[in-house]
Protein backbone atom coordinates (compact mmCIF):
# COMPACT_ATOMS: atom_id res chain seq x y z
CA UNK A 1 42.97 9.28 -4.43
CA UNK A 2 45.81 11.87 -4.54
CA UNK A 3 48.36 9.07 -4.15
CA UNK A 4 46.63 6.21 -5.90
CA UNK A 5 45.36 7.88 -9.10
CA UNK A 6 48.71 9.40 -10.17
CA UNK A 7 50.46 6.11 -9.49
CA UNK A 8 47.92 4.18 -11.59
CA UNK A 9 47.23 6.67 -14.39
CA UNK A 10 50.15 9.13 -14.41
CA UNK A 11 49.44 12.76 -15.27
CA UNK A 12 45.78 12.03 -16.07
CA UNK A 13 45.35 10.51 -12.62
CA UNK A 14 46.98 13.55 -11.00
CA UNK A 15 44.60 15.91 -12.81
CA UNK A 16 41.62 13.72 -11.87
CA UNK A 17 42.60 13.66 -8.19
CA UNK A 18 42.93 17.44 -8.16
CA UNK A 19 39.51 17.84 -9.76
CA UNK A 20 37.91 15.56 -7.21
CA UNK A 21 39.32 17.47 -4.25
CA UNK A 22 38.54 20.96 -5.60
CA UNK A 23 34.81 20.38 -6.09
CA UNK A 24 33.45 17.92 -3.54
CA UNK A 25 29.81 18.81 -4.34
CA UNK A 26 30.22 18.03 -8.01
CA UNK A 27 32.13 14.88 -7.13
CA UNK A 28 29.43 13.80 -4.67
CA UNK A 29 26.70 14.17 -7.30
CA UNK A 30 28.69 12.13 -9.79
CA UNK A 31 29.49 9.39 -7.27
CA UNK A 32 25.84 9.33 -6.12
CA UNK A 33 24.57 8.95 -9.69
CA UNK A 34 26.99 6.11 -10.36
CA UNK A 35 26.07 4.40 -7.08
CA UNK A 36 22.35 4.72 -7.83
CA UNK A 37 22.81 3.27 -11.32
CA UNK A 38 24.82 0.38 -9.91
CA UNK A 39 22.23 -0.29 -7.21
CA UNK A 40 19.41 -0.33 -9.78
CA UNK A 41 21.37 -2.66 -12.05
CA UNK A 42 22.05 -5.10 -9.19
CA UNK A 43 18.38 -4.95 -8.07
CA UNK A 44 16.99 -5.65 -11.54
CA UNK A 45 19.48 -8.45 -12.17
CA UNK A 46 18.74 -10.03 -8.77
CA UNK A 47 14.97 -9.90 -9.33
CA UNK A 48 15.28 -11.48 -12.77
CA UNK A 49 17.55 -14.23 -11.46
CA UNK A 50 15.26 -14.90 -8.50
CA UNK A 51 12.23 -15.29 -10.76
CA UNK A 52 14.13 -17.47 -13.22
CA UNK A 53 15.45 -19.80 -10.51
CA UNK A 54 12.06 -20.03 -8.79
CA UNK A 55 10.41 -20.91 -12.09
CA UNK A 56 13.12 -23.44 -12.91
CA UNK A 57 12.60 -25.16 -9.56
CA UNK A 58 8.81 -25.30 -9.88
CA UNK A 59 8.23 -29.00 -9.34
CA UNK A 60 5.55 -29.32 -12.02
CA UNK A 61 7.99 -28.48 -14.82
CA UNK A 62 9.83 -31.77 -14.89
CA UNK A 63 9.37 -32.89 -18.50
CA UNK A 64 10.61 -31.97 -21.94
CA UNK A 65 7.22 -30.61 -22.99
CA UNK A 66 4.27 -29.10 -21.11
CA UNK A 67 0.87 -29.40 -22.79
CA UNK A 68 -2.04 -27.24 -21.67
CA UNK A 69 -5.24 -25.66 -22.94
CA UNK A 70 -5.14 -22.48 -25.02
CA UNK A 71 -7.69 -20.69 -22.83
CA UNK A 72 -7.29 -19.75 -19.19
CA UNK A 73 -9.65 -19.69 -16.24
CA UNK A 74 -8.15 -16.41 -15.13
CA UNK A 75 -4.62 -15.33 -14.31
CA UNK A 76 -1.97 -17.97 -14.89
CA UNK A 77 -4.20 -21.05 -14.60
CA UNK A 78 -5.12 -22.76 -17.88
CA UNK A 79 -8.51 -24.33 -18.42
CA UNK A 80 -8.44 -28.05 -17.53
CA UNK A 81 -8.13 -30.65 -20.28
CA UNK A 82 -10.05 -33.87 -20.55
CA UNK A 83 -8.39 -36.90 -18.99
CA UNK A 84 -8.34 -38.40 -22.50
CA UNK A 85 -5.61 -35.93 -23.47
CA UNK A 86 -3.03 -37.81 -21.40
CA UNK A 87 -3.87 -41.11 -23.03
CA UNK A 88 -3.73 -39.52 -26.49
CA UNK A 89 -0.29 -38.09 -25.77
CA UNK A 90 0.97 -41.40 -24.42
CA UNK A 91 -0.03 -43.08 -27.69
CA UNK A 92 2.15 -40.78 -29.79
CA UNK A 93 5.39 -42.27 -31.19
CA UNK A 94 8.46 -41.25 -29.21
CA UNK A 95 6.60 -40.33 -26.02
CA UNK A 96 8.16 -42.26 -23.13
CA UNK A 97 6.11 -40.94 -20.23
CA UNK A 98 3.12 -38.70 -19.54
CA UNK A 99 2.26 -37.19 -16.16
CA UNK A 100 -0.71 -35.01 -15.29
CA UNK A 101 -1.26 -32.01 -13.00
CA UNK A 102 -4.46 -30.23 -12.01
CA UNK A 103 -4.67 -27.18 -9.72
CA UNK A 104 -8.11 -26.33 -8.37
CA UNK A 105 -8.00 -22.86 -6.85
CA UNK A 106 -10.25 -21.16 -4.32
CA UNK A 107 -11.09 -24.08 -2.03
CA UNK A 108 -12.22 -22.89 1.39
CA UNK A 109 -9.96 -23.93 4.25
CA UNK A 110 -10.45 -22.24 7.58
CA UNK A 111 -10.63 -18.52 6.93
CA UNK A 112 -8.67 -18.60 3.68
CA UNK A 113 -8.85 -20.17 0.23
CA UNK A 114 -6.24 -22.64 -0.90
CA UNK A 115 -5.35 -24.70 -3.98
CA UNK A 116 -6.00 -28.43 -4.18
CA UNK A 117 -3.51 -30.04 -6.56
CA UNK A 118 -4.23 -33.43 -8.16
CA UNK A 119 -1.21 -35.21 -9.64
CA UNK A 120 -0.43 -38.51 -11.26
CA UNK A 121 1.99 -40.42 -8.99
CA UNK A 122 4.92 -40.21 -11.37
CA UNK A 123 4.85 -36.41 -11.40
CA UNK A 124 6.29 -36.22 -7.90
CA UNK A 125 8.42 -39.37 -8.13
CA UNK A 126 11.48 -37.33 -9.02
CA UNK A 127 14.71 -36.26 -7.34
CA UNK A 128 13.66 -32.63 -7.76
CA UNK A 129 10.44 -33.10 -5.81
CA UNK A 130 12.24 -35.00 -3.07
CA UNK A 131 14.78 -32.18 -2.73
CA UNK A 132 11.95 -29.72 -1.99
CA UNK A 133 10.66 -31.68 1.03
CA UNK A 134 11.45 -29.61 4.14
CA UNK A 135 9.63 -31.71 6.74
CA UNK A 136 8.99 -35.44 6.59
CA UNK A 137 10.57 -38.37 4.75
CA UNK A 138 10.65 -37.72 0.99
CA UNK A 139 10.37 -41.36 -0.12
CA UNK A 140 7.52 -42.07 2.28
CA UNK A 141 5.71 -38.94 1.07
CA UNK A 142 5.99 -39.97 -2.59
CA UNK A 143 4.71 -43.45 -1.72
CA UNK A 144 1.82 -42.04 0.34
CA UNK A 145 0.64 -39.84 -2.53
CA UNK A 146 1.06 -42.70 -5.03
CA UNK A 147 -1.06 -45.03 -2.88
CA UNK A 148 -3.58 -42.36 -1.93
CA UNK A 149 -2.87 -42.77 1.79
CA UNK A 150 -1.59 -39.26 2.46
CA UNK A 151 -1.10 -35.76 1.10
CA UNK A 152 1.70 -33.23 0.87
CA UNK A 153 1.09 -29.64 1.97
CA UNK A 154 2.98 -26.48 1.05
CA UNK A 155 5.15 -24.78 3.64
CA UNK A 156 3.08 -21.58 3.68
CA UNK A 157 -0.06 -23.56 4.51
CA UNK A 158 1.79 -25.58 7.15
CA UNK A 159 3.12 -22.41 8.75
CA UNK A 160 -0.32 -20.80 8.92
CA UNK A 161 -2.12 -23.76 10.48
CA UNK A 162 0.61 -25.67 12.30
CA UNK A 163 0.47 -28.68 9.99
CA UNK A 164 3.22 -31.29 10.16
CA UNK A 165 3.89 -34.88 9.07
CA UNK A 166 1.94 -37.34 11.17
CA UNK A 167 -0.94 -34.95 11.62
CA UNK A 168 -4.10 -34.58 9.59
CA UNK A 169 -5.69 -31.95 7.37
CA UNK A 170 -9.42 -31.63 6.81
CA UNK A 171 -9.85 -31.44 3.04
CA UNK A 172 -12.84 -29.34 1.88
CA UNK A 173 -14.40 -31.53 -0.82
CA UNK A 174 -17.82 -31.84 -2.51
CA UNK A 175 -18.07 -35.36 -1.12
CA UNK A 176 -17.84 -33.85 2.36
CA UNK A 177 -14.95 -32.71 4.59
CA UNK A 178 -12.39 -35.52 4.63
CA UNK A 179 -9.49 -35.85 7.07
CA UNK A 180 -6.31 -37.04 5.38
CA UNK A 181 -2.85 -37.74 6.87
CA UNK A 182 -0.12 -35.21 6.14
CA UNK A 183 2.89 -37.09 4.76
CA UNK A 184 5.28 -34.19 4.23
CA UNK A 185 5.72 -30.44 3.82
CA UNK A 186 7.13 -29.04 0.58
CA UNK A 187 8.69 -25.71 -0.26
CA UNK A 188 8.78 -23.99 -3.63
CA UNK A 189 5.21 -24.90 -4.60
CA UNK A 190 3.55 -21.86 -6.17
CA UNK A 191 0.20 -23.50 -6.96
CA UNK A 192 -1.59 -21.33 -4.40
CA UNK A 193 -0.44 -18.10 -2.80
CA UNK A 194 -2.22 -18.98 0.48
CA UNK A 195 -1.18 -22.62 0.43
CA UNK A 196 -1.83 -25.87 -1.39
CA UNK A 197 -2.55 -29.55 -0.80
CA UNK A 198 -1.09 -32.13 -3.19
CA UNK A 199 -2.83 -35.48 -3.54
CA UNK A 200 -3.26 -38.42 -5.90
CA UNK A 201 -5.48 -37.64 -8.91
CA UNK A 202 -7.60 -40.78 -8.35
CA UNK A 203 -8.16 -39.75 -4.75
CA UNK A 204 -9.08 -36.27 -5.97
CA UNK A 205 -11.62 -37.75 -8.42
CA UNK A 206 -13.29 -39.69 -5.60
CA UNK A 207 -13.57 -36.59 -3.42
CA UNK A 208 -14.56 -34.23 -6.23
CA UNK A 209 -17.52 -36.16 -7.69
CA UNK A 210 -15.58 -38.08 -10.35
CA UNK A 211 -13.68 -35.06 -11.73
CA UNK A 212 -10.92 -36.59 -13.91
CA UNK A 213 -9.96 -33.47 -15.85
């Protein structure tokens, strides 16, 4: 600093360099406070950016408008709407496409509770959803869900139970435990903190006693 500060700032830099060297304790406290402030600023900015990017990449948010119930079942999950809501929205002028999403939390699987997610086929027929597939063929997975011949599981569930494409998962359903083929593994799905299974909404209705909400 004795060479650099005078060269950059003239007499003021020379005085500053002398002050720094004469009182290292005072200088250390000042530098520490600045470093702490900088570290806190970087941490807060990083956390905010991480949350924003994770939310932006959430595969359910693919439309121009998200419609949900006013009330919630607890936490972030809104109360389910009637299946008629989708048809009513589709009938509105200017609406080109309507897709539906239903997350049913707390379904027993092994020793944990997972989310079962029922979707209309078009909801996952997007480039964004395909980009989140980390294991398995994306196009085959979209087709399997659309036809009701397979399901997609989240990466945290796959990691816990060794699930992979080509294998099967035993779905806990009111109609009885049902083994379904695993078509792919997806990352970035925050429907369930312990894991989730994504399947066709018509298939979900058959397994869950005609539930079309």
